[in-house]
């Protein structure tokens, strides 16, 4: 559970934004609700490594450096996340970790990083993805710090069938989410039969939530409040990672109450990590029911995916 910069800010990130957002974790009640990871996505680094082949934070965006920023995030009782990719450069054209996995893992550990989002851009097509993700998995396990390993390959190469072997703790199983109904619906339905691969210590990640963005980010025109409720309940019924993507500094009250709802979060975080069973209405294919067997009790959710009221 946490927050990622990409869906709202993309390249428009800086040190002050991250500090203000970390402070909002506390003031908005997110930390107390269980959210803990503050994750900086792509575009945080300079376009070239230093003379020692180390990744370097963008000097204008992060003048204080990543170690100091990580220390500040930790001082608030939160955890620090960062981004890289397995290819020769990141999706936005910054240095990535191909053939530098151990080097970069050590760098991240020295900065106090607790979470690595590891993307799949610009990789060599003749090198097996499983091998590439395995290399970073081993590097992280030997960097001297516990770092959550979040693989992001967009659901390619049947990732759910082999990703657990790489040491990943969560894995993206879909393309990028957009801030509209059709995007989150298609993503959710595409994974109905694949959450059986999700289990403790390696979770199916159906991408960051767009809840609360209302078209104000970089990824779409927005949803209604009822659609955001539907999206959040879908993610919780799946037991998917809850990574917020809105500007948490300015969440409205409806968004804050939704994403901190203790009953929904308890369903999402249920330790059994069992997938839901789905059933469609006999006469109306837009009406769905999801049943989830929890470690203690059950959860039942009813969905209307039509664009009209139904009875």
C-alpha atoms as a PDB file:
ATOM      1  CA  UNK A   1       0.000   0.000   0.000  1.00  0.00           C
ATOM      2  CA  UNK A   2       1.408   3.337  -0.981  1.00  0.00           C
ATOM      3  CA  UNK A   3       1.563   6.123  -3.558  1.00  0.00           C
ATOM      4  CA  UNK A   4       3.345   6.534  -6.891  1.00  0.00           C
ATOM      5  CA  UNK A   5       4.140   9.780  -8.725  1.00  0.00           C
ATOM      6  CA  UNK A   6       3.534   8.711 -12.323  1.00  0.00           C
ATOM      7  CA  UNK A   7      -0.197   8.961 -13.043  1.00  0.00           C
ATOM      8  CA  UNK A   8      -0.513  12.549 -11.862  1.00  0.00           C
ATOM      9  CA  UNK A   9       2.942  14.069 -12.293  1.00  0.00           C
ATOM     10  CA  UNK A  10       5.047  11.927 -14.672  1.00  0.00           C
ATOM     11  CA  UNK A  11       8.250  13.926 -15.297  1.00  0.00           C
ATOM     12  CA  UNK A  12       7.071  16.905 -13.219  1.00  0.00           C
ATOM     13  CA  UNK A  13       8.525  15.642  -9.951  1.00  0.00           C
ATOM     14  CA  UNK A  14      10.872  17.288  -7.482  1.00  0.00           C
ATOM     15  CA  UNK A  15      12.112  17.125  -3.928  1.00  0.00           C
ATOM     16  CA  UNK A  16       9.483  19.463  -2.479  1.00  0.00           C
ATOM     17  CA  UNK A  17       6.638  17.555  -4.117  1.00  0.00           C
ATOM     18  CA  UNK A  18       7.836  14.284  -2.607  1.00  0.00           C
ATOM     19  CA  UNK A  19       8.251  15.803   0.864  1.00  0.00           C
ATOM     20  CA  UNK A  20       4.818  17.442   0.735  1.00  0.00           C
ATOM     21  CA  UNK A  21       3.252  14.191  -0.415  1.00  0.00           C
ATOM     22  CA  UNK A  22       4.959  12.244   2.358  1.00  0.00           C
ATOM     23  CA  UNK A  23       3.625  14.781   4.855  1.00  0.00           C
ATOM     24  CA  UNK A  24       0.148  14.288   3.354  1.00  0.00           C
ATOM     25  CA  UNK A  25       0.395  10.576   4.170  1.00  0.00           C
ATOM     26  CA  UNK A  26       0.278  11.637   7.797  1.00  0.00           C
ATOM     27  CA  UNK A  27      -2.139  14.580   7.647  1.00  0.00           C
ATOM     28  CA  UNK A  28      -4.663  12.767   5.427  1.00  0.00           C
ATOM     29  CA  UNK A  29      -4.644   9.636   7.589  1.00  0.00           C
ATOM     30  CA  UNK A  30      -3.095   7.402   4.944  1.00  0.00           C
ATOM     31  CA  UNK A  31      -0.239   6.235   7.148  1.00  0.00           C
ATOM     32  CA  UNK A  32      -2.616   5.243   9.921  1.00  0.00           C
ATOM     33  CA  UNK A  33      -4.781   3.374   7.375  1.00  0.00           C
ATOM     34  CA  UNK A  34      -1.789   1.248   6.305  1.00  0.00           C
ATOM     35  CA  UNK A  35      -0.289   3.111   3.337  1.00  0.00           C
ATOM     36  CA  UNK A  36       3.477   3.308   3.707  1.00  0.00           C
ATOM     37  CA  UNK A  37       5.437   3.409   0.427  1.00  0.00           C
ATOM     38  CA  UNK A  38       6.250   6.768  -1.198  1.00  0.00           C
ATOM     39  CA  UNK A  39       7.425   5.743  -4.670  1.00  0.00           C
ATOM     40  CA  UNK A  40       9.229   8.032  -7.112  1.00  0.00           C
ATOM     41  CA  UNK A  41       8.656   6.780 -10.656  1.00  0.00           C
ATOM     42  CA  UNK A  42      10.605   7.511 -13.869  1.00  0.00           C
ATOM     43  CA  UNK A  43      12.456  10.791 -14.634  1.00  0.00           C
ATOM     44  CA  UNK A  44      14.188  11.203 -11.261  1.00  0.00           C
ATOM     45  CA  UNK A  45      17.778  10.810 -12.538  1.00  0.00           C
ATOM     46  CA  UNK A  46      20.218  12.649 -14.717  1.00  0.00           C
ATOM     47  CA  UNK A  47      20.486  11.403 -18.306  1.00  0.00           C
ATOM     48  CA  UNK A  48      23.998  10.040 -17.694  1.00  0.00           C
ATOM     49  CA  UNK A  49      25.679   8.060 -14.944  1.00  0.00           C
ATOM     50  CA  UNK A  50      28.635   9.547 -13.078  1.00  0.00           C
ATOM     51  CA  UNK A  51      32.311   8.707 -13.589  1.00  0.00           C
ATOM     52  CA  UNK A  52      31.913   5.656 -11.349  1.00  0.00           C
ATOM     53  CA  UNK A  53      28.920   4.398 -13.361  1.00  0.00           C
ATOM     54  CA  UNK A  54      26.550   5.272 -10.531  1.00  0.00           C
ATOM     55  CA  UNK A  55      23.024   6.569 -11.078  1.00  0.00           C
ATOM     56  CA  UNK A  56      22.782  10.273 -10.217  1.00  0.00           C
ATOM     57  CA  UNK A  57      19.629  12.120  -9.072  1.00  0.00           C
ATOM     58  CA  UNK A  58      18.618  15.072 -11.237  1.00  0.00           C
ATOM     59  CA  UNK A  59      20.461  17.979  -9.611  1.00  0.00           C
ATOM     60  CA  UNK A  60      17.678  20.497 -10.271  1.00  0.00           C
ATOM     61  CA  UNK A  61      14.786  18.278  -9.185  1.00  0.00           C
ATOM     62  CA  UNK A  62      16.524  16.683  -6.203  1.00  0.00           C
ATOM     63  CA  UNK A  63      19.288  19.029  -5.051  1.00  0.00           C
ATOM     64  CA  UNK A  64      19.482  17.420  -1.612  1.00  0.00           C
ATOM     65  CA  UNK A  65      20.063  13.964  -3.024  1.00  0.00           C
ATOM     66  CA  UNK A  66      18.188  10.728  -2.545  1.00  0.00           C
ATOM     67  CA  UNK A  67      19.788   9.697   0.753  1.00  0.00           C
ATOM     68  CA  UNK A  68      18.529  12.841   2.513  1.00  0.00           C
ATOM     69  CA  UNK A  69      15.098  12.513   0.906  1.00  0.00           C
ATOM     70  CA  UNK A  70      14.878   8.890   2.002  1.00  0.00           C
ATOM     71  CA  UNK A  71      15.850   9.878   5.532  1.00  0.00           C
ATOM     72  CA  UNK A  72      13.061  12.475   5.592  1.00  0.00           C
ATOM     73  CA  UNK A  73      10.483   9.947   4.384  1.00  0.00           C
ATOM     74  CA  UNK A  74      11.669   7.474   7.042  1.00  0.00           C
ATOM     75  CA  UNK A  75      11.423  10.163   9.732  1.00  0.00           C
ATOM     76  CA  UNK A  76       7.668  10.280   9.076  1.00  0.00           C
ATOM     77  CA  UNK A  77       7.311   6.557   9.650  1.00  0.00           C
ATOM     78  CA  UNK A  78       7.071   5.819   5.926  1.00  0.00           C
ATOM     79  CA  UNK A  79       9.111   3.874   3.384  1.00  0.00           C
ATOM     80  CA  UNK A  80      10.977   5.074   0.304  1.00  0.00           C
ATOM     81  CA  UNK A  81      10.486   3.704  -3.215  1.00  0.00           C
ATOM     82  CA  UNK A  82      12.290   4.368  -6.481  1.00  0.00           C
ATOM     83  CA  UNK A  83      12.201   3.295 -10.141  1.00  0.00           C
ATOM     84  CA  UNK A  84      14.483   1.645 -12.669  1.00  0.00           C
ATOM     85  CA  UNK A  85      14.159  -0.696 -15.651  1.00  0.00           C
ATOM     86  CA  UNK A  86      15.814  -3.872 -16.887  1.00  0.00           C
ATOM     87  CA  UNK A  87      16.771  -2.497 -20.321  1.00  0.00           C
ATOM     88  CA  UNK A  88      19.412  -0.066 -21.531  1.00  0.00           C
ATOM     89  CA  UNK A  89      17.245   2.915 -20.599  1.00  0.00           C
ATOM     90  CA  UNK A  90      14.008   3.628 -18.780  1.00  0.00           C
ATOM     91  CA  UNK A  91      10.716   4.216 -20.584  1.00  0.00           C
ATOM     92  CA  UNK A  92      11.384   7.976 -20.487  1.00  0.00           C
ATOM     93  CA  UNK A  93      14.984   7.659 -21.711  1.00  0.00           C
ATOM     94  CA  UNK A  94      16.989   7.779 -18.480  1.00  0.00           C
ATOM     95  CA  UNK A  95      19.764   5.313 -17.565  1.00  0.00           C
ATOM     96  CA  UNK A  96      18.425   1.885 -16.619  1.00  0.00           C
ATOM     97  CA  UNK A  97      19.967  -1.137 -14.937  1.00  0.00           C
ATOM     98  CA  UNK A  98      20.924  -3.534 -17.750  1.00  0.00           C
ATOM     99  CA  UNK A  99      24.293  -5.057 -16.831  1.00  0.00           C
ATOM    100  CA  UNK A 100      24.413  -2.756 -13.782  1.00  0.00           C
ATOM    101  CA  UNK A 101      22.025  -4.682 -11.544  1.00  0.00           C
ATOM    102  CA  UNK A 102      24.422  -5.243  -8.607  1.00  0.00           C
ATOM    103  CA  UNK A 103      25.831  -1.738  -8.896  1.00  0.00           C
ATOM    104  CA  UNK A 104      22.374  -0.177  -8.811  1.00  0.00           C
ATOM    105  CA  UNK A 105      21.037  -2.412  -6.053  1.00  0.00           C
ATOM    106  CA  UNK A 106      23.955  -1.335  -3.850  1.00  0.00           C
ATOM    107  CA  UNK A 107      23.274   2.319  -4.720  1.00  0.00           C
ATOM    108  CA  UNK A 108      19.589   2.007  -3.844  1.00  0.00           C
ATOM    109  CA  UNK A 109      20.453   0.307  -0.561  1.00  0.00           C
ATOM    110  CA  UNK A 110      22.897   3.105   0.334  1.00  0.00           C
ATOM    111  CA  UNK A 111      20.090   5.640  -0.192  1.00  0.00           C
ATOM    112  CA  UNK A 112      17.756   3.759   2.142  1.00  0.00           C
ATOM    113  CA  UNK A 113      15.413   2.565  -0.605  1.00  0.00           C
ATOM    114  CA  UNK A 114      12.706   0.136   0.571  1.00  0.00           C
ATOM    115  CA  UNK A 115      10.860  -0.514  -2.711  1.00  0.00           C
ATOM    116  CA  UNK A 116      12.016  -0.837  -6.333  1.00  0.00           C
ATOM    117  CA  UNK A 117       9.600  -0.579  -9.246  1.00  0.00           C
ATOM    118  CA  UNK A 118      11.469  -2.363 -12.038  1.00  0.00           C
ATOM    119  CA  UNK A 119      10.084  -1.699 -15.514  1.00  0.00           C
ATOM    120  CA  UNK A 120      10.530  -3.645 -18.763  1.00  0.00           C
ATOM    121  CA  UNK A 121      11.420  -0.950 -21.310  1.00  0.00           C
ATOM    122  CA  UNK A 122      14.224  -1.113 -23.901  1.00  0.00           C
ATOM    123  CA  UNK A 123      15.366  -4.638 -23.053  1.00  0.00           C
ATOM    124  CA  UNK A 124      17.253  -6.849 -25.488  1.00  0.00           C
ATOM    125  CA  UNK A 125      14.677  -9.040 -27.285  1.00  0.00           C
ATOM    126  CA  UNK A 126      17.204 -11.864 -27.615  1.00  0.00           C
ATOM    127  CA  UNK A 127      17.664 -12.077 -23.817  1.00  0.00           C
ATOM    128  CA  UNK A 128      15.044 -13.959 -21.836  1.00  0.00           C
ATOM    129  CA  UNK A 129      12.959 -11.679 -19.602  1.00  0.00           C
ATOM    130  CA  UNK A 130      12.930 -14.232 -16.831  1.00  0.00           C
ATOM    131  CA  UNK A 131      16.732 -14.150 -16.722  1.00  0.00           C
ATOM    132  CA  UNK A 132      16.819 -10.352 -16.660  1.00  0.00           C
ATOM    133  CA  UNK A 133      14.376 -10.085 -13.780  1.00  0.00           C
ATOM    134  CA  UNK A 134      16.205 -12.889 -12.004  1.00  0.00           C
ATOM    135  CA  UNK A 135      19.443 -10.889 -12.129  1.00  0.00           C
ATOM    136  CA  UNK A 136      17.949  -7.911 -10.325  1.00  0.00           C
ATOM    137  CA  UNK A 137      16.179 -10.225  -7.886  1.00  0.00           C
ATOM    138  CA  UNK A 138      19.486 -11.784  -6.876  1.00  0.00           C
ATOM    139  CA  UNK A 139      21.156  -8.352  -6.752  1.00  0.00           C
ATOM    140  CA  UNK A 140      18.511  -7.046  -4.353  1.00  0.00           C
ATOM    141  CA  UNK A 141      18.805 -10.100  -2.136  1.00  0.00           C
ATOM    142  CA  UNK A 142      22.526  -9.414  -1.801  1.00  0.00           C
ATOM    143  CA  UNK A 143      22.534  -5.612  -1.451  1.00  0.00           C
ATOM    144  CA  UNK A 144      22.436  -5.609   2.351  1.00  0.00           C
ATOM    145  CA  UNK A 145      18.942  -4.132   2.684  1.00  0.00           C
ATOM    146  CA  UNK A 146      15.393  -5.512   2.515  1.00  0.00           C
ATOM    147  CA  UNK A 147      13.871  -4.004  -0.634  1.00  0.00           C
ATOM    148  CA  UNK A 148      10.443  -4.862  -2.018  1.00  0.00           C
ATOM    149  CA  UNK A 149      10.887  -5.974  -5.631  1.00  0.00           C
ATOM    150  CA  UNK A 150       8.011  -4.797  -7.850  1.00  0.00           C
ATOM    151  CA  UNK A 151       8.352  -6.118 -11.401  1.00  0.00           C
ATOM    152  CA  UNK A 152       6.539  -4.228 -14.166  1.00  0.00           C
ATOM    153  CA  UNK A 153       6.562  -5.985 -17.535  1.00  0.00           C
ATOM    154  CA  UNK A 154       3.004  -5.158 -18.636  1.00  0.00           C
ATOM    155  CA  UNK A 155       1.823  -8.750 -18.508  1.00  0.00           C
ATOM    156  CA  UNK A 156       4.073  -9.952 -21.320  1.00  0.00           C
ATOM    157  CA  UNK A 157       5.353 -13.509 -21.797  1.00  0.00           C
ATOM    158  CA  UNK A 158       2.784 -15.011 -19.384  1.00  0.00           C
ATOM    159  CA  UNK A 159       4.620 -13.303 -16.519  1.00  0.00           C
ATOM    160  CA  UNK A 160       2.276 -14.789 -13.887  1.00  0.00           C
ATOM    161  CA  UNK A 161       3.495 -18.304 -14.721  1.00  0.00           C
ATOM    162  CA  UNK A 162       7.194 -17.721 -13.897  1.00  0.00           C
ATOM    163  CA  UNK A 163       7.685 -14.456 -12.015  1.00  0.00           C
ATOM    164  CA  UNK A 164       7.716 -16.023  -8.539  1.00  0.00           C
ATOM    165  CA  UNK A 165      11.043 -17.699  -9.401  1.00  0.00           C
ATOM    166  CA  UNK A 166      12.754 -14.288  -9.774  1.00  0.00           C
ATOM    167  CA  UNK A 167      12.196 -13.238  -6.181  1.00  0.00           C
ATOM    168  CA  UNK A 168       9.644 -10.564  -7.131  1.00  0.00           C
ATOM    169  CA  UNK A 169       7.181  -9.583  -4.425  1.00  0.00           C
ATOM    170  CA  UNK A 170       4.618  -8.187  -6.874  1.00  0.00           C
ATOM    171  CA  UNK A 171       4.278  -8.186 -10.645  1.00  0.00           C
ATOM    172  CA  UNK A 172       2.409  -6.041 -13.138  1.00  0.00           C
ATOM    173  CA  UNK A 173       0.127  -8.263 -15.180  1.00  0.00           C
ATOM    174  CA  UNK A 174      -1.461  -5.608 -17.430  1.00  0.00           C
ATOM    175  CA  UNK A 175      -0.695  -2.598 -19.571  1.00  0.00           C
ATOM    176  CA  UNK A 176      -0.767   0.918 -18.106  1.00  0.00           C
ATOM    177  CA  UNK A 177      -4.025   2.054 -16.548  1.00  0.00           C
ATOM    178  CA  UNK A 178      -5.812   5.193 -17.782  1.00  0.00           C
ATOM    179  CA  UNK A 179      -8.132   7.440 -15.822  1.00  0.00           C
ATOM    180  CA  UNK A 180     -11.403   6.242 -17.327  1.00  0.00           C
ATOM    181  CA  UNK A 181     -13.997   3.529 -16.796  1.00  0.00           C
ATOM    182  CA  UNK A 182     -13.100   1.414 -19.823  1.00  0.00           C
ATOM    183  CA  UNK A 183      -9.446   1.156 -18.815  1.00  0.00           C
ATOM    184  CA  UNK A 184      -9.932  -0.030 -15.240  1.00  0.00           C
ATOM    185  CA  UNK A 185     -12.816  -2.307 -16.292  1.00  0.00           C
ATOM    186  CA  UNK A 186     -10.794  -3.994 -19.049  1.00  0.00           C
ATOM    187  CA  UNK A 187      -7.824  -4.429 -16.709  1.00  0.00           C
ATOM    188  CA  UNK A 188      -9.965  -5.927 -13.952  1.00  0.00           C
ATOM    189  CA  UNK A 189     -11.775  -8.330 -16.274  1.00  0.00           C
ATOM    190  CA  UNK A 190      -8.562  -9.428 -17.987  1.00  0.00           C
ATOM    191  CA  UNK A 191      -7.232 -10.731 -14.677  1.00  0.00           C
ATOM    192  CA  UNK A 192     -10.290 -12.601 -13.436  1.00  0.00           C
ATOM    193  CA  UNK A 193      -8.704 -15.986 -14.126  1.00  0.00           C
ATOM    194  CA  UNK A 194      -5.132 -14.988 -13.208  1.00  0.00           C
ATOM    195  CA  UNK A 195      -5.358 -14.061  -9.561  1.00  0.00           C
ATOM    196  CA  UNK A 196      -4.902 -17.732  -8.758  1.00  0.00           C
ATOM    197  CA  UNK A 197      -1.205 -17.020  -9.412  1.00  0.00           C
ATOM    198  CA  UNK A 198      -1.259 -14.311  -6.711  1.00  0.00           C
ATOM    199  CA  UNK A 199      -0.238 -15.510  -3.254  1.00  0.00           C
ATOM    200  CA  UNK A 200       1.634 -14.359  -0.148  1.00  0.00           C
ATOM    201  CA  UNK A 201       5.012 -12.828  -1.015  1.00  0.00           C
ATOM    202  CA  UNK A 202       4.247 -12.518  -4.749  1.00  0.00           C
ATOM    203  CA  UNK A 203       1.126 -10.551  -5.658  1.00  0.00           C
ATOM    204  CA  UNK A 204      -0.592  -9.806  -8.951  1.00  0.00           C
ATOM    205  CA  UNK A 205      -0.394  -6.034  -9.501  1.00  0.00           C
ATOM    206  CA  UNK A 206      -3.120  -4.637 -11.769  1.00  0.00           C
ATOM    207  CA  UNK A 207      -1.471  -1.188 -11.772  1.00  0.00           C
ATOM    208  CA  UNK A 208      -1.850   1.959  -9.747  1.00  0.00           C
ATOM    209  CA  UNK A 209      -5.277   3.231  -8.782  1.00  0.00           C
ATOM    210  CA  UNK A 210      -6.625   6.286 -10.575  1.00  0.00           C
ATOM    211  CA  UNK A 211      -9.064   6.952  -7.727  1.00  0.00           C
ATOM    212  CA  UNK A 212      -9.270  10.663  -6.958  1.00  0.00           C
ATOM    213  CA  UNK A 213      -7.490  11.957 -10.066  1.00  0.00           C
ATOM    214  CA  UNK A 214     -10.693  13.243 -11.738  1.00  0.00           C
ATOM    215  CA  UNK A 215      -8.870  13.852 -15.010  1.00  0.00           C
ATOM    216  CA  UNK A 216      -6.341  16.135 -13.349  1.00  0.00           C
ATOM    217  CA  UNK A 217      -3.355  13.883 -13.984  1.00  0.00           C
ATOM    218  CA  UNK A 218      -1.507  12.765 -17.095  1.00  0.00           C
ATOM    219  CA  UNK A 219      -3.414   9.586 -17.930  1.00  0.00           C
ATOM    220  CA  UNK A 220      -6.992  10.349 -18.933  1.00  0.00           C
ATOM    221  CA  UNK A 221     -10.197  12.343 -18.698  1.00  0.00           C
ATOM    222  CA  UNK A 222     -11.358  11.079 -15.315  1.00  0.00           C
ATOM    223  CA  UNK A 223     -14.077   9.002 -13.666  1.00  0.00           C
ATOM    224  CA  UNK A 224     -17.127   9.728 -11.570  1.00  0.00           C
ATOM    225  CA  UNK A 225     -17.157   9.136  -7.814  1.00  0.00           C
ATOM    226  CA  UNK A 226     -19.233   5.989  -8.275  1.00  0.00           C
ATOM    227  CA  UNK A 227     -16.739   4.661 -10.817  1.00  0.00           C
ATOM    228  CA  UNK A 228     -13.853   5.337  -8.441  1.00  0.00           C
ATOM    229  CA  UNK A 229     -15.734   3.447  -5.718  1.00  0.00           C
ATOM    230  CA  UNK A 230     -16.208   0.575  -8.113  1.00  0.00           C
ATOM    231  CA  UNK A 231     -12.515   0.571  -9.052  1.00  0.00           C
ATOM    232  CA  UNK A 232     -11.342   0.597  -5.442  1.00  0.00           C
ATOM    233  CA  UNK A 233     -13.687  -2.227  -4.440  1.00  0.00           C
ATOM    234  CA  UNK A 234     -12.510  -4.272  -7.446  1.00  0.00           C
ATOM    235  CA  UNK A 235      -8.871  -3.912  -6.381  1.00  0.00           C
ATOM    236  CA  UNK A 236      -9.763  -4.802  -2.773  1.00  0.00           C
ATOM    237  CA  UNK A 237     -11.770  -7.874  -3.756  1.00  0.00           C
ATOM    238  CA  UNK A 238      -8.826  -9.057  -5.830  1.00  0.00           C
ATOM    239  CA  UNK A 239      -6.386  -8.472  -2.974  1.00  0.00           C
ATOM    240  CA  UNK A 240      -4.286  -6.378  -5.363  1.00  0.00           C
ATOM    241  CA  UNK A 241      -1.598  -3.927  -4.202  1.00  0.00           C
ATOM    242  CA  UNK A 242      -3.153  -0.537  -3.378  1.00  0.00           C
ATOM    243  CA  UNK A 243      -0.867   2.071  -4.910  1.00  0.00           C
ATOM    244  CA  UNK A 244      -2.546   5.479  -5.118  1.00  0.00           C
ATOM    245  CA  UNK A 245      -1.868   7.709  -8.112  1.00  0.00           C
ATOM    246  CA  UNK A 246      -3.767  10.920  -7.319  1.00  0.00           C
ATOM    247  CA  UNK A 247      -2.330  14.077  -5.800  1.00  0.00           C
ATOM    248  CA  UNK A 248      -2.754  13.032  -2.177  1.00  0.00           C
ATOM    249  CA  UNK A 249      -2.013  16.574  -0.985  1.00  0.00           C
ATOM    250  CA  UNK A 250      -5.403  17.716  -2.289  1.00  0.00           C
ATOM    251  CA  UNK A 251      -7.661  14.662  -2.001  1.00  0.00           C
ATOM    252  CA  UNK A 252     -11.309  15.529  -1.534  1.00  0.00           C
ATOM    253  CA  UNK A 253     -13.199  14.041   1.390  1.00  0.00           C
ATOM    254  CA  UNK A 254     -14.951  11.395  -0.707  1.00  0.00           C
ATOM    255  CA  UNK A 255     -11.621  10.077  -1.965  1.00  0.00           C
ATOM    256  CA  UNK A 256     -10.023  10.166   1.472  1.00  0.00           C
ATOM    257  CA  UNK A 257     -12.876   8.235   3.063  1.00  0.00           C
ATOM    258  CA  UNK A 258     -12.905   5.670   0.277  1.00  0.00           C
ATOM    259  CA  UNK A 259      -9.194   4.867   0.228  1.00  0.00           C
ATOM    260  CA  UNK A 260      -8.963   4.736   4.039  1.00  0.00           C
ATOM    261  CA  UNK A 261     -12.096   2.601   4.502  1.00  0.00           C
ATOM    262  CA  UNK A 262     -10.955   0.023   7.095  1.00  0.00           C
ATOM    263  CA  UNK A 263     -13.404  -2.704   6.033  1.00  0.00           C
ATOM    264  CA  UNK A 264     -12.315  -2.552   2.386  1.00  0.00           C
ATOM    265  CA  UNK A 265      -8.635  -2.416   3.291  1.00  0.00           C
ATOM    266  CA  UNK A 266      -9.070  -5.462   5.540  1.00  0.00           C
ATOM    267  CA  UNK A 267     -10.512  -7.387   2.583  1.00  0.00           C
ATOM    268  CA  UNK A 268      -7.642  -6.298   0.340  1.00  0.00           C
ATOM    269  CA  UNK A 269      -4.976  -7.168   2.894  1.00  0.00           C
ATOM    270  CA  UNK A 270      -6.479 -10.497   3.976  1.00  0.00           C
ATOM    271  CA  UNK A 271      -3.615 -12.847   4.799  1.00  0.00           C
ATOM    272  CA  UNK A 272      -5.078 -15.842   2.927  1.00  0.00           C
ATOM    273  CA  UNK A 273      -4.700 -13.965  -0.398  1.00  0.00           C
ATOM    274  CA  UNK A 274      -7.354 -16.103  -2.072  1.00  0.00           C
ATOM    275  CA  UNK A 275      -8.814 -14.872  -5.382  1.00  0.00           C
ATOM    276  CA  UNK A 276     -12.535 -14.144  -5.730  1.00  0.00           C
ATOM    277  CA  UNK A 277     -14.990 -16.389  -7.567  1.00  0.00           C
ATOM    278  CA  UNK A 278     -17.056 -14.578 -10.212  1.00  0.00           C
ATOM    279  CA  UNK A 279     -20.613 -15.095 -11.382  1.00  0.00           C
ATOM    280  CA  UNK A 280     -22.578 -13.193 -14.039  1.00  0.00           C
ATOM    281  CA  UNK A 281     -26.286 -12.492 -13.841  1.00  0.00           C
ATOM    282  CA  UNK A 282     -28.308 -15.062 -15.769  1.00  0.00           C
ATOM    283  CA  UNK A 283     -30.050 -12.496 -18.008  1.00  0.00           C
ATOM    284  CA  UNK A 284     -27.875  -9.379 -17.808  1.00  0.00           C
ATOM    285  CA  UNK A 285     -24.202  -9.755 -18.645  1.00  0.00           C
ATOM    286  CA  UNK A 286     -23.397  -6.326 -17.143  1.00  0.00           C
ATOM    287  CA  UNK A 287     -24.283  -7.505 -13.639  1.00  0.00           C
ATOM    288  CA  UNK A 288     -21.542  -9.416 -11.827  1.00  0.00           C
ATOM    289  CA  UNK A 289     -21.059 -10.876  -8.380  1.00  0.00           C
ATOM    290  CA  UNK A 290     -17.684 -11.609  -6.758  1.00  0.00           C
ATOM    291  CA  UNK A 291     -17.343 -13.918  -3.747  1.00  0.00           C
ATOM    292  CA  UNK A 292     -14.093 -14.052  -1.795  1.00  0.00           C
ATOM    293  CA  UNK A 293     -13.221 -16.607   0.877  1.00  0.00           C
ATOM    294  CA  UNK A 294     -11.240 -14.710   3.520  1.00  0.00           C
ATOM    295  CA  UNK A 295      -9.044 -16.094   6.281  1.00  0.00           C
ATOM    296  CA  UNK A 296     -11.912 -15.344   8.654  1.00  0.00           C
ATOM    297  CA  UNK A 297     -15.273 -15.068   6.966  1.00  0.00           C
ATOM    298  CA  UNK A 298     -16.302 -14.038   3.460  1.00  0.00           C
ATOM    299  CA  UNK A 299     -16.708 -10.977   1.255  1.00  0.00           C
ATOM    300  CA  UNK A 300     -19.389 -10.485  -1.374  1.00  0.00           C
ATOM    301  CA  UNK A 301     -19.503  -7.663  -3.928  1.00  0.00           C
ATOM    302  CA  UNK A 302     -22.103  -6.833  -6.581  1.00  0.00           C
ATOM    303  CA  UNK A 303     -21.174  -4.796  -9.662  1.00  0.00           C
ATOM    304  CA  UNK A 304     -23.183  -3.027 -12.318  1.00  0.00           C
ATOM    305  CA  UNK A 305     -20.861  -2.456 -15.287  1.00  0.00           C
ATOM    306  CA  UNK A 306     -23.629  -1.033 -17.481  1.00  0.00           C
ATOM    307  CA  UNK A 307     -23.915   2.673 -18.286  1.00  0.00           C
ATOM    308  CA  UNK A 308     -27.468   2.750 -16.923  1.00  0.00           C
ATOM    309  CA  UNK A 309     -29.258   1.935 -13.652  1.00  0.00           C
ATOM    310  CA  UNK A 310     -30.413  -1.653 -13.280  1.00  0.00           C
ATOM    311  CA  UNK A 311     -32.790  -3.354 -10.885  1.00  0.00           C
END
